[in-house]
Amino acid sequence: MCGLLFGCQIDRQTLRQAESVTQLKKDATLTCPINEPTACAQSTAFSKLYASSQMSGKNQMLILDHGEESLLARINLIRAAQESIDIQTFIWNNDEAGHWVLAELIKAARRGVKVSIIGDQLYTMGNSWLMAELATIHQNFEFRLYNPVFSDAHTSAFEFASAIACCLASLNRRMHNKAFVVDNRYAIVGGRNYSSRYFDWDATFNYKDREVMAIGDVVDEIVISFDSFWTSEHVLPLTHLNDVARRIIDNQEAHTDWNQPLPELAQALSVQADDNSHIEKTFFADVLAVDEVEYFSDTHDKPFNKEARQVNKQLTEKFHDLFARTEHRLLIQTPYLVFSRKARNMFKKLRKDHPDLALQVSTNSLSSTDAFYVYAISLKYKRFYLKKLDMEIYEFKQQPGMLEQFFATHQTNEHTRFGLHSKSFVIDNEISMIGSHNFDPRSDVLNTESGFIIYDREFAAQLTASIEQDMLPENSWLVAAKEQIPFFSHVSGFFATISRKLPIFDIWPFRYSTSYELLPGKEPVPRDHPDFFEHYKSVGNFPDIDLPVKQIQTIIISAFGGFAEPIM
């Protein structure tokens, strides 16, 4: 049955027919004069930064911490595009934000811009009617998908279950790269996907994410990586997918009005995107010309063969090498605190070599995470992280105190949850990384990943300040050891250590750690401070969780689901 995943390729006759019909259906008209295709592009204030980059020879870098501002920058650059737009993403939902970006890209294509998009098939659109429409919409617009399950654009629940049963190893291999490039000059790289919850537009759940805009010659490195994916055997045009091809042949495409009025959420932002003075005011104060920047990306075939994985160990090895050379402070932000065994061993050696090293991690709490089953696995290692690695762990609150500074709030209410999705680190206040890599086993082996490593002290200071803000007591709980009880704590720790090392049956009920809230009027103190328990109160392992079922499920997965750690 495992051959099903690879044995459902489109037959040649259907493919030829679909490609022929697609070429007939594709619109070739342009809204801009064919002899002057750039005349319809609006100007962008970011062109000043590109000119500055070319003069100085330094890349201009800008941290994008706010979701709606990141969307604003994209819309401005799409409207200013003159030649090309290249996009890679893990998720693309056709919700309000995702639909608006698509509409802007289609307008750009119709004025003469070459638009190329690669999405991971498992989490992109999920609508073969819409994908058939996108396949035929314009000669300048092309959408391709990475590793399509059963050679379809849409995976039904039945097909997904079948793929898990027969071909989990292949199903699990995903493209997690996130890159947005305009005219080979401007790029945005980081953690955001194309969905309303990444841009502060979801009423139920929004991510606090991070990206970096790069302007300058380093963008060429992103384009080279994108082109290698675009021509890969693992990335297929929509016409090569069974369900899309059938829709095209049978005239079953969706018929979307891409010129419909903007939703109320987008109207003010659309006006701002056309206002270059607003663009300058919003972004320019935080732009830095950095000393050195390196773009990294796994190759398209990393998840599919051993030799490629060996070659691509350079990404994980790069991180581990940088971490291992830390001397004073390592600051990490990750949505999922599940380090691989190799990473845990590396950190253990790092702690032994540098006993005074400050090792700090900002991550999600159970209340803020989007994947409680992954959080459950992290519970197994809390004692190891805190006791053996002397790690400081800060877990983000689902309703942070600085909510209005972090998010655009016109769509949120008292029930809206918020969670971290940022993937970043800072080493010794000098080396920074912002990208898509979650520092977990999946990112190490199963996903392709991308991001920037920046060697610049001023940039590192900006990124440090951003992460430290997330770690403030009003925004995160501090995770630390429980108050020790003579003899019992020692015995409990002994059995807990044995239990946590088991892949299953980790059933020792007494936890080493808990979450702490800073008491009103008290100042933060270190965990080893003699008055720590006078400054903090315990709020339990799962603060702000009202659903006992979720707590029970988390405990059960932590106890019995350790075997699944490498694929979560």
Protein backbone atom coordinates (compact mmCIF):
# COMPACT_ATOMS: atom_id res chain seq x y z
CA MET A 1 0.00 0.00 0.00
CA CYS A 2 2.96 2.31 0.54
CA GLY A 3 3.29 2.58 -3.22
CA LEU A 4 0.02 4.50 -3.30
CA LEU A 5 1.69 7.74 -2.33
CA PHE A 6 4.00 7.50 -5.29
CA GLY A 7 1.77 5.47 -7.61
CA CYS A 8 -0.99 8.01 -8.14
CA GLN A 9 0.86 10.34 -10.52
CA ILE A 10 -1.27 11.83 -13.23
CA ASP A 11 -1.39 9.80 -16.45
CA ARG A 12 0.27 11.34 -19.50
CA GLN A 13 -2.90 11.80 -21.52
CA THR A 14 -4.65 13.69 -18.74
CA LEU A 15 -1.54 15.79 -18.15
CA ARG A 16 -1.22 16.77 -21.82
CA GLN A 17 -4.91 17.61 -22.01
CA ALA A 18 -4.81 19.65 -18.79
CA GLU A 19 -1.74 21.60 -19.92
CA SER A 20 -3.27 22.27 -23.33
CA VAL A 21 -6.57 23.48 -21.86
CA THR A 22 -4.72 25.55 -19.26
CA GLN A 23 -2.77 27.42 -21.92
CA LEU A 24 -6.00 28.22 -23.75
CA LYS A 25 -7.70 29.43 -20.59
CA LYS A 26 -4.86 31.53 -19.19
CA ASP A 27 -5.46 35.23 -19.51
CA ALA A 28 -2.68 36.99 -21.42
CA THR A 29 -3.99 40.56 -21.32
CA LEU A 30 -2.06 43.21 -19.42
CA THR A 31 -3.34 46.25 -17.57
CA CYS A 32 -0.07 48.05 -18.26
CA PRO A 33 1.37 49.03 -21.67
CA ILE A 34 3.36 46.10 -23.02
CA ASN A 35 6.26 48.36 -24.05
CA GLU A 36 6.45 49.95 -20.58
CA PRO A 37 5.48 47.24 -18.03
CA THR A 38 6.96 49.03 -15.02
CA ALA A 39 4.87 52.18 -15.52
CA CYS A 40 1.96 50.80 -13.47
CA ALA A 41 4.01 49.91 -10.40
CA GLN A 42 3.71 52.35 -7.54
CA SER A 43 6.82 53.78 -5.91
CA THR A 44 8.05 52.39 -2.61
CA ALA A 45 9.97 54.14 0.13
CA PHE A 46 12.01 50.96 0.55
CA SER A 47 13.81 51.85 -2.71
CA LYS A 48 15.75 54.46 -0.70
CA LEU A 49 17.11 51.68 1.48
CA TYR A 50 18.06 49.63 -1.56
CA ALA A 51 19.98 52.60 -2.98
CA SER A 52 21.72 53.06 0.36
CA SER A 53 22.62 49.37 0.41
CA GLN A 54 24.17 49.55 -3.05
CA MET A 55 26.21 52.60 -2.11
CA SER A 56 27.48 51.26 1.23
CA GLY A 57 27.85 47.61 0.23
CA LYS A 58 25.95 46.64 3.39
CA ASN A 59 22.62 44.87 3.59
CA GLN A 60 19.80 46.74 5.27
CA MET A 61 17.95 44.63 7.85
CA LEU A 62 14.67 45.28 9.66
CA ILE A 63 13.03 43.12 12.34
CA LEU A 64 9.29 42.69 11.74
CA ASP A 65 7.77 41.85 15.12
CA HIS A 66 4.21 43.01 14.48
CA GLY A 67 1.86 40.96 12.32
CA GLU A 68 -0.21 43.70 10.75
CA GLU A 69 2.89 45.78 10.00
CA SER A 70 4.41 42.77 8.25
CA LEU A 71 1.29 42.53 6.09
CA LEU A 72 1.52 46.27 5.38
CA ALA A 73 5.13 45.88 4.16
CA ARG A 74 4.12 43.01 1.87
CA ILE A 75 1.24 44.91 0.27
CA ASN A 76 3.45 47.95 -0.30
CA LEU A 77 6.15 45.87 -1.98
CA ILE A 78 3.71 43.83 -4.08
CA ARG A 79 2.21 47.03 -5.46
CA ALA A 80 5.72 48.35 -6.16
CA ALA A 81 6.95 45.18 -7.88
CA GLN A 82 8.24 45.76 -11.41
CA GLU A 83 9.61 42.40 -12.56
CA SER A 84 9.14 39.45 -10.21
CA ILE A 85 7.66 38.18 -6.95
CA ASP A 86 8.81 34.84 -5.50
CA ILE A 87 7.09 33.33 -2.45
CA GLN A 88 7.69 30.16 -0.43
CA THR A 89 5.37 29.20 2.42
CA PHE A 90 4.32 26.30 4.62
CA ILE A 91 0.67 27.40 4.99
CA TRP A 92 -1.62 29.47 2.78
CA ASN A 93 -5.24 29.81 3.89
CA ASN A 94 -7.84 31.53 1.76
CA ASP A 95 -9.11 33.57 4.71
CA GLU A 96 -9.25 37.37 4.80
CA ALA A 97 -5.50 37.98 4.94
CA GLY A 98 -4.56 35.11 2.64
CA HIS A 99 -7.20 36.10 0.09
CA TRP A 100 -6.13 39.75 0.08
CA VAL A 101 -2.49 38.89 -0.59
CA LEU A 102 -3.59 36.57 -3.43
CA ALA A 103 -5.73 39.34 -4.94
CA GLU A 104 -2.78 41.77 -4.85
CA LEU A 105 -0.49 39.19 -6.45
CA ILE A 106 -2.98 38.56 -9.25
CA LYS A 107 -3.19 42.31 -9.92
CA ALA A 108 0.61 42.42 -10.07
CA ALA A 109 0.63 39.54 -12.56
CA ARG A 110 -1.93 41.30 -14.73
CA ARG A 111 0.25 44.37 -15.00
CA GLY A 112 3.25 42.30 -16.12
CA VAL A 113 4.99 41.04 -12.97
CA LYS A 114 6.10 37.39 -12.96
CA VAL A 115 4.55 35.84 -9.82
CA SER A 116 5.86 32.45 -8.66
CA ILE A 117 4.57 30.73 -5.49
CA ILE A 118 5.60 27.46 -3.83
CA GLY A 119 3.40 26.15 -1.03
CA ASP A 120 3.64 23.00 1.01
CA GLN A 121 0.76 20.92 -0.35
CA LEU A 122 -0.48 19.53 2.96
CA TYR A 123 -1.23 22.96 4.42
CA THR A 124 -2.00 25.11 1.38
CA MET A 125 -5.53 26.08 0.31
CA GLY A 126 -7.13 22.63 0.56
CA ASN A 127 -9.50 23.52 -2.29
CA SER A 128 -9.02 21.95 -5.72
CA TRP A 129 -11.60 24.29 -7.31
CA LEU A 130 -9.61 27.35 -6.18
CA MET A 131 -6.30 25.78 -7.20
CA ALA A 132 -7.73 25.06 -10.66
CA GLU A 133 -8.68 28.72 -10.91
CA LEU A 134 -5.19 29.82 -9.86
CA ALA A 135 -3.64 27.42 -12.41
CA THR A 136 -5.51 29.13 -15.24
CA ILE A 137 -5.78 32.72 -14.03
CA HIS A 138 -2.92 34.46 -15.92
CA GLN A 139 0.19 33.68 -17.90
CA ASN A 140 2.31 35.63 -15.37
CA PHE A 141 0.99 33.75 -12.34
CA GLU A 142 2.12 30.24 -11.36
CA PHE A 143 1.54 28.27 -8.18
CA ARG A 144 3.37 25.01 -7.39
CA LEU A 145 3.12 22.56 -4.48
CA TYR A 146 5.75 20.65 -2.51
CA ASN A 147 5.40 16.89 -1.94
CA PRO A 148 1.72 16.47 -2.87
CA VAL A 149 0.02 13.54 -1.14
CA PHE A 150 -1.39 11.06 -3.68
CA SER A 151 -0.55 13.63 -6.39
CA ASP A 152 -3.55 15.77 -5.40
CA ALA A 153 -3.77 19.42 -4.41
CA HIS A 154 -6.40 18.67 -1.76
CA THR A 155 -5.98 15.87 0.76
CA SER A 156 -9.29 14.62 2.15
CA ALA A 157 -9.62 13.29 5.69
CA PHE A 158 -9.78 9.76 4.32
CA GLU A 159 -6.66 10.27 2.18
CA PHE A 160 -4.83 11.80 5.14
CA ALA A 161 -5.68 8.81 7.32
CA SER A 162 -4.65 6.46 4.51
CA ALA A 163 -1.34 8.26 4.12
CA ILE A 164 -0.67 7.97 7.84
CA ALA A 165 -1.43 4.26 7.71
CA CYS A 166 0.59 3.44 4.60
CA CYS A 167 3.18 6.12 4.05
CA LEU A 168 3.83 8.19 7.17
CA ALA A 169 7.52 8.57 6.35
CA SER A 170 6.73 10.33 3.07
CA LEU A 171 3.72 12.23 4.40
CA ASN A 172 5.89 13.70 7.12
CA ARG A 173 8.41 15.29 4.74
CA ARG A 174 7.41 18.92 4.43
CA MET A 175 8.72 22.25 3.15
CA HIS A 176 8.79 24.68 6.07
CA ASN A 177 10.66 27.50 4.29
CA LYS A 178 9.12 30.97 4.43
CA ALA A 179 10.47 33.53 1.97
CA PHE A 180 8.99 36.56 0.18
CA VAL A 181 11.12 38.24 -2.53
CA VAL A 182 10.32 41.23 -4.75
CA ASP A 183 12.43 42.19 -7.77
CA ASN A 184 15.48 40.37 -6.32
CA ARG A 185 15.95 43.43 -4.12
CA TYR A 186 13.63 43.09 -1.13
CA ALA A 187 12.98 39.98 0.94
CA ILE A 188 11.09 38.94 4.06
CA VAL A 189 12.16 35.74 5.84
CA GLY A 190 11.04 34.25 9.15
CA GLY A 191 8.16 32.38 10.70
CA ARG A 192 4.96 33.80 9.23
CA ASN A 193 2.63 31.91 6.92
CA TYR A 194 -0.26 33.31 4.86
CA SER A 195 -3.22 33.17 7.20
CA SER A 196 -5.08 35.80 9.22
CA ARG A 197 -3.74 34.56 12.55
CA TYR A 198 -0.18 35.49 11.50
CA PHE A 199 -1.21 39.10 10.84
CA ASP A 200 -3.35 39.82 13.96
CA TRP A 201 -6.61 39.31 12.08
CA ASP A 202 -8.07 36.23 13.77
CA ALA A 203 -10.71 36.63 16.49
CA THR A 204 -9.87 33.30 18.18
CA PHE A 205 -6.08 32.88 18.05
CA ASN A 206 -3.14 35.01 16.86
CA TYR A 207 0.58 34.35 16.71
CA LYS A 208 3.30 36.60 18.05
CA ASP A 209 5.75 35.91 15.26
CA ARG A 210 8.95 37.43 13.93
CA GLU A 211 10.49 38.02 10.50
CA VAL A 212 13.34 40.06 9.14
CA MET A 213 13.26 42.18 6.01
CA ALA A 214 16.49 42.18 4.05
CA ILE A 215 17.34 44.75 1.38
CA GLY A 216 20.53 44.33 -0.62
CA ASP A 217 22.75 41.74 -2.26
CA VAL A 218 21.96 38.96 0.24
CA VAL A 219 18.57 38.65 -1.48
CA ASP A 220 20.36 36.98 -4.40
CA GLU A 221 21.08 34.00 -2.13
CA ILE A 222 17.34 33.60 -1.45
CA VAL A 223 16.54 33.68 -5.16
CA ILE A 224 19.11 30.93 -5.87
CA SER A 225 17.52 28.75 -3.19
CA PHE A 226 14.00 29.49 -4.45
CA ASP A 227 14.94 28.58 -8.02
CA SER A 228 16.37 25.25 -6.87
CA PHE A 229 13.04 24.41 -5.21
CA TRP A 230 11.05 25.66 -8.21
CA THR A 231 12.73 23.19 -10.59
CA SER A 232 12.81 20.32 -8.08
CA GLU A 233 11.16 16.96 -8.74
CA HIS A 234 9.45 17.39 -5.38
CA VAL A 235 7.68 20.61 -6.46
CA LEU A 236 4.87 20.09 -8.97
CA PRO A 237 2.87 22.54 -11.13
CA LEU A 238 -0.85 22.48 -10.37
CA THR A 239 -1.63 20.93 -13.76
CA HIS A 240 0.41 17.86 -12.70
CA LEU A 241 -2.05 17.11 -9.88
CA ASN A 242 -4.95 14.74 -10.50
CA ASP A 243 -7.76 16.69 -8.87
CA VAL A 244 -6.72 20.07 -10.33
CA ALA A 245 -6.23 18.61 -13.83
CA ARG A 246 -9.71 17.09 -13.77
CA ARG A 247 -11.27 20.37 -12.64
CA ILE A 248 -9.52 22.26 -15.46
CA ILE A 249 -10.56 19.75 -18.12
CA ASP A 250 -14.16 19.66 -16.84
CA ASN A 251 -14.43 23.48 -16.50
CA GLN A 252 -14.88 23.21 -12.76
CA GLU A 253 -12.64 26.07 -11.68
CA ALA A 254 -13.79 28.45 -8.97
CA HIS A 255 -14.87 31.86 -10.26
CA THR A 256 -13.64 34.37 -7.72
CA ASP A 257 -14.22 38.10 -7.96
CA TRP A 258 -10.68 39.24 -7.28
CA ASN A 259 -11.74 42.88 -7.61
CA GLN A 260 -14.39 42.76 -4.90
CA PRO A 261 -14.26 45.53 -2.26
CA LEU A 262 -11.72 45.02 0.48
CA PRO A 263 -12.93 43.74 3.86
CA GLU A 264 -13.22 46.43 6.50
CA LEU A 265 -10.07 45.11 8.20
CA ALA A 266 -8.00 45.83 5.09
CA GLN A 267 -9.30 49.24 4.07
CA ALA A 268 -7.17 51.43 6.33
CA LEU A 269 -4.10 49.25 5.78
CA SER A 270 -4.57 49.49 2.00
CA VAL A 271 -4.46 53.28 2.18
CA GLN A 272 -1.34 53.15 4.36
CA ALA A 273 0.35 50.79 1.88
CA ASP A 274 0.09 53.53 -0.77
CA ASP A 275 1.47 56.20 1.56
CA ASN A 276 5.27 56.17 1.44
CA SER A 277 5.54 58.75 4.20
CA HIS A 278 3.64 56.32 6.43
CA ILE A 279 5.97 53.50 5.34
CA GLU A 280 9.00 55.57 6.31
CA LYS A 281 7.47 56.57 9.64
CA THR A 282 6.52 52.97 10.48
CA PHE A 283 9.70 51.15 9.52
CA PHE A 284 12.75 53.29 8.83
CA ALA A 285 13.76 54.17 12.40
CA ASP A 286 14.57 50.52 13.14
CA VAL A 287 16.46 49.64 9.94
CA LEU A 288 20.11 48.70 10.39
CA ALA A 289 22.99 48.37 7.92
CA VAL A 290 24.57 45.17 9.23
CA ASP A 291 28.20 44.09 9.14
CA GLU A 292 27.59 40.58 7.81
CA VAL A 293 24.56 38.44 7.05
CA GLU A 294 24.24 34.87 5.81
CA TYR A 295 21.10 33.32 4.32
CA PHE A 296 20.66 29.61 4.86
CA SER A 297 18.22 27.14 3.35
CA ASP A 298 18.02 23.39 3.26
CA THR A 299 17.94 21.91 -0.22
CA HIS A 300 14.68 20.66 -1.68
CA ASP A 301 15.63 16.98 -1.29
CA LYS A 302 16.79 17.10 2.35
CA PRO A 303 13.80 15.10 3.71
CA PHE A 304 13.86 12.46 0.96
CA ASN A 305 17.22 10.75 0.98
CA LYS A 306 19.98 9.99 3.42
CA GLU A 307 22.77 11.51 1.38
CA ALA A 308 20.92 14.81 1.14
CA ARG A 309 20.27 14.73 4.89
CA GLN A 310 23.97 14.21 5.51
CA VAL A 311 24.77 17.23 3.34
CA ASN A 312 22.04 19.27 4.98
CA LYS A 313 23.33 18.57 8.43
CA GLN A 314 25.25 21.76 7.76
CA LEU A 315 22.20 23.75 8.93
CA THR A 316 21.75 21.93 12.23
CA GLU A 317 25.50 21.58 12.59
CA LYS A 318 25.82 25.34 12.00
CA PHE A 319 23.47 26.02 14.89
CA HIS A 320 25.15 23.50 17.15
CA ASP A 321 28.58 24.83 16.29
CA LEU A 322 27.50 28.39 17.08
CA PHE A 323 25.77 27.32 20.29
CA ALA A 324 28.80 25.30 21.38
CA ARG A 325 31.04 28.36 21.01
CA THR A 326 28.85 30.49 23.29
CA GLU A 327 30.82 31.89 26.20
CA HIS A 328 28.53 34.23 28.15
CA ARG A 329 24.88 34.19 27.13
CA LEU A 330 22.63 32.16 24.83
CA LEU A 331 19.09 33.49 24.34
CA ILE A 332 16.65 31.28 22.39
CA GLN A 333 13.02 31.78 21.41
CA THR A 334 11.10 28.82 20.05
CA PRO A 335 7.42 27.81 19.98
CA TYR A 336 8.25 24.22 20.96
CA LEU A 337 10.78 23.32 23.65
CA VAL A 338 11.67 19.85 22.35
CA PHE A 339 15.40 19.70 21.61
CA SER A 340 16.75 16.62 19.85
CA ARG A 341 18.95 14.17 21.75
CA LYS A 342 22.01 15.51 19.95
CA ALA A 343 21.08 19.06 20.94
CA ARG A 344 20.55 18.03 24.57
CA ASN A 345 24.00 16.45 24.65
CA MET A 346 25.50 19.55 23.06
CA PHE A 347 23.88 21.79 25.70
CA LYS A 348 25.05 19.45 28.45
CA LYS A 349 28.65 19.81 27.29
CA LEU A 350 28.20 23.56 26.91
CA ARG A 351 27.03 23.84 30.51
CA LYS A 352 29.96 21.73 31.71
CA ASP A 353 32.45 23.90 29.82
CA HIS A 354 30.79 27.17 30.87
CA PRO A 355 29.25 26.81 34.34
CA ASP A 356 28.44 30.53 34.52
CA LEU A 357 26.75 30.72 31.11
CA ALA A 358 23.33 32.37 31.02
CA LEU A 359 21.10 29.95 29.07
CA GLN A 360 17.62 31.44 28.60
CA VAL A 361 14.65 30.19 26.59
CA SER A 362 11.38 31.94 25.73
CA THR A 363 8.66 29.49 24.65
CA ASN A 364 4.95 28.74 24.87
CA SER A 365 2.94 27.69 27.90
CA LEU A 366 0.21 25.08 27.57
CA SER A 367 -2.31 27.92 27.50
CA SER A 368 -0.62 29.70 24.58
CA THR A 369 0.64 26.82 22.45
CA ASP A 370 -1.01 25.76 19.19
CA ALA A 371 0.19 22.16 19.68
CA PHE A 372 -0.49 20.83 23.18
CA TYR A 373 0.80 17.37 22.20
CA VAL A 374 4.24 18.85 21.53
CA TYR A 375 4.10 20.75 24.81
CA ALA A 376 3.33 17.42 26.47
CA ILE A 377 6.58 15.95 25.16
CA SER A 378 8.50 18.96 26.50
CA LEU A 379 7.22 18.13 30.01
CA LYS A 380 9.44 15.04 29.99
CA TYR A 381 12.55 17.19 29.83
CA LYS A 382 11.71 20.09 32.16
CA ARG A 383 13.78 18.63 35.00
CA PHE A 384 16.73 18.01 32.69
CA TYR A 385 16.52 21.54 31.28
CA LEU A 386 16.26 23.17 34.69
CA LYS A 387 18.53 20.99 36.83
CA LYS A 388 21.15 19.61 34.46
CA LEU A 389 21.37 22.53 32.04
CA ASP A 390 20.49 25.27 34.54
CA MET A 391 18.23 26.75 31.88
CA GLU A 392 15.95 29.71 32.55
CA ILE A 393 12.56 28.99 30.96
CA TYR A 394 9.90 31.61 30.36
CA GLU A 395 6.49 30.46 29.09
CA PHE A 396 4.31 32.93 27.22
CA LYS A 397 0.83 33.75 28.54
CA GLN A 398 -2.20 33.33 26.32
CA GLN A 399 -3.23 36.87 27.35
CA PRO A 400 0.06 38.79 27.75
CA GLY A 401 0.03 42.02 29.74
CA MET A 402 1.49 44.00 26.83
CA LEU A 403 -1.12 42.70 24.41
CA GLU A 404 -1.88 46.09 22.85
CA GLN A 405 1.82 46.76 22.20
CA PHE A 406 2.30 43.34 20.64
CA PHE A 407 -0.80 43.03 18.44
CA ALA A 408 -3.28 44.98 16.36
CA THR A 409 -6.42 44.49 18.43
CA HIS A 410 -9.33 45.59 16.23
CA GLN A 411 -10.32 41.95 15.66
CA THR A 412 -9.67 40.56 19.13
CA ASN A 413 -11.79 40.18 22.26
CA GLU A 414 -11.46 38.88 25.81
CA HIS A 415 -11.58 35.29 24.56
CA THR A 416 -8.84 35.62 21.92
CA ARG A 417 -5.77 33.52 22.64
CA PHE A 418 -2.22 34.50 21.68
CA GLY A 419 0.84 32.31 21.24
CA LEU A 420 4.50 32.52 20.27
CA HIS A 421 5.59 31.42 16.81
CA SER A 422 9.00 33.15 16.67
CA LYS A 423 12.17 31.20 15.96
CA SER A 424 15.25 33.20 16.94
CA PHE A 425 18.45 33.14 18.94
CA VAL A 426 21.17 35.55 20.10
CA ILE A 427 24.67 34.42 21.03
CA ASP A 428 26.92 36.52 23.27
CA ASN A 429 25.08 39.70 22.25
CA GLU A 430 26.71 39.46 18.84
CA ILE A 431 25.31 36.71 16.57
CA SER A 432 21.58 36.54 15.76
CA MET A 433 19.29 34.16 13.88
CA ILE A 434 15.74 34.70 12.63
CA GLY A 435 14.12 32.00 10.53
CA SER A 436 11.71 29.08 10.29
CA HIS A 437 13.73 26.48 12.26
CA ASN A 438 12.07 25.40 15.53
CA PHE A 439 15.23 23.79 17.02
CA ASP A 440 13.34 20.49 17.28
CA PRO A 441 13.84 17.01 15.77
CA ARG A 442 11.35 17.74 12.97
CA SER A 443 13.27 20.82 11.84
CA ASP A 444 16.53 18.91 12.08
CA VAL A 445 15.47 16.01 9.84
CA LEU A 446 11.94 16.06 8.39
CA ASN A 447 11.44 19.65 7.21
CA THR A 448 13.29 21.98 4.90
CA GLU A 449 14.05 25.23 6.75
CA SER A 450 15.42 28.68 6.02
CA GLY A 451 16.53 31.88 7.74
CA PHE A 452 19.19 34.53 8.31
CA ILE A 453 22.24 34.50 10.56
CA ILE A 454 23.31 38.08 11.25
CA TYR A 455 26.72 39.01 12.64
CA ASP A 456 26.15 42.48 14.05
CA ARG A 457 26.10 43.71 17.66
CA GLU A 458 23.52 46.44 17.13
CA PHE A 459 21.13 44.03 15.43
CA ALA A 460 21.70 41.53 18.24
CA ALA A 461 20.78 44.22 20.76
CA GLN A 462 17.50 44.90 18.94
CA LEU A 463 16.60 41.23 18.79
CA THR A 464 17.57 40.70 22.44
CA ALA A 465 15.34 43.57 23.53
CA SER A 466 12.44 42.08 21.57
CA ILE A 467 12.78 38.62 23.14
CA GLU A 468 13.36 40.03 26.63
CA GLN A 469 10.12 41.96 26.35
CA ASP A 470 8.28 38.68 25.73
CA MET A 471 9.94 37.28 28.88
CA LEU A 472 8.78 40.06 31.21
CA PRO A 473 6.64 38.88 34.17
CA GLU A 474 3.50 40.46 32.73
CA ASN A 475 3.94 38.47 29.51
CA SER A 476 5.41 35.14 30.62
CA TRP A 477 5.47 32.79 33.58
CA LEU A 478 8.82 31.73 34.97
CA VAL A 479 9.29 27.96 35.16
CA ALA A 480 11.44 26.82 38.08
CA ALA A 481 11.89 24.00 40.59
CA LYS A 482 9.27 23.54 43.24
CA GLU A 483 10.15 24.39 46.81
CA GLN A 484 12.23 21.46 47.98
CA ILE A 485 11.01 19.16 50.78
CA PRO A 486 13.86 17.45 52.70
CA PHE A 487 14.34 13.78 51.79
CA PHE A 488 11.10 13.49 49.76
CA SER A 489 12.33 15.84 47.00
CA HIS A 490 15.57 13.86 46.73
CA VAL A 491 13.77 10.52 46.46
CA SER A 492 11.19 11.95 44.05
CA GLY A 493 13.95 13.37 41.87
CA PHE A 494 15.65 9.97 41.70
CA PHE A 495 12.53 8.20 40.46
CA ALA A 496 11.57 11.10 38.19
CA THR A 497 14.95 10.91 36.44
CA ILE A 498 14.47 7.20 35.74
CA SER A 499 10.86 7.71 34.61
CA ARG A 500 11.64 10.59 32.25
CA LYS A 501 14.26 8.53 30.42
CA LEU A 502 11.65 5.99 29.38
CA PRO A 503 10.14 6.50 25.91
CA ILE A 504 6.81 5.29 27.36
CA PHE A 505 5.42 4.71 30.86
CA ASP A 506 6.83 7.99 32.14
CA ILE A 507 4.27 7.84 34.96
CA TRP A 508 6.03 9.25 38.03
CA PRO A 509 3.33 11.69 39.22
CA PHE A 510 5.44 14.26 41.06
CA ARG A 511 6.80 17.03 38.87
CA TYR A 512 10.12 18.69 39.60
CA SER A 513 9.02 22.11 38.43
CA THR A 514 6.06 24.44 38.27
CA SER A 515 5.18 27.86 36.84
CA TYR A 516 5.59 31.01 38.90
CA GLU A 517 3.91 34.42 38.86
CA LEU A 518 5.71 37.48 40.20
CA LEU A 519 3.89 38.83 43.26
CA PRO A 520 2.51 42.41 43.10
CA GLY A 521 5.05 45.01 44.16
CA LYS A 522 7.97 42.56 44.05
CA GLU A 523 11.02 42.76 41.82
CA PRO A 524 12.19 39.79 39.71
CA VAL A 525 14.99 37.78 41.33
CA PRO A 526 16.99 34.76 40.12
CA ARG A 527 15.68 31.26 40.80
CA ASP A 528 18.55 30.58 43.23
CA HIS A 529 17.93 33.78 45.22
CA PRO A 530 17.33 33.00 48.93
CA ASP A 531 14.12 35.08 48.87
CA PHE A 532 12.78 33.64 45.60
CA PHE A 533 9.63 32.21 47.18
CA GLU A 534 8.88 35.56 48.81
CA HIS A 535 8.84 37.22 45.37
CA TYR A 536 6.97 34.58 43.37
CA LYS A 537 3.91 32.40 43.89
CA SER A 538 3.36 29.02 42.28
CA VAL A 539 0.50 28.95 39.73
CA GLY A 540 0.77 25.25 38.89
CA ASN A 541 2.08 23.31 35.90
CA PHE A 542 -0.71 24.46 33.59
CA PRO A 543 -1.73 28.00 34.55
CA ASP A 544 -4.71 29.61 32.85
CA ILE A 545 -6.06 26.29 31.55
CA ASP A 546 -9.72 25.84 32.45
CA LEU A 547 -10.24 22.56 30.61
CA PRO A 548 -9.36 19.52 32.76
CA VAL A 549 -9.54 17.32 29.64
CA LYS A 550 -6.69 19.26 28.02
CA GLN A 551 -4.58 18.89 31.15
CA ILE A 552 -5.28 15.16 31.34
CA GLN A 553 -4.49 14.66 27.66
CA THR A 554 -1.20 16.53 28.09
CA ILE A 555 -0.20 14.36 31.03
CA ILE A 556 -1.13 11.15 29.18
CA ILE A 557 0.85 12.12 26.08
CA SER A 558 3.81 13.08 28.25
CA ALA A 559 3.68 9.68 29.94
CA PHE A 560 3.05 7.45 26.94
CA GLY A 561 3.91 9.43 23.81
CA GLY A 562 7.66 9.81 24.11
CA PHE A 563 8.26 7.41 21.22
CA ALA A 564 6.67 9.98 18.87
CA GLU A 565 9.12 12.75 19.82
CA PRO A 566 11.24 12.54 16.61
CA ILE A 567 8.23 13.16 14.32
CA MET A 568 6.36 15.83 16.32
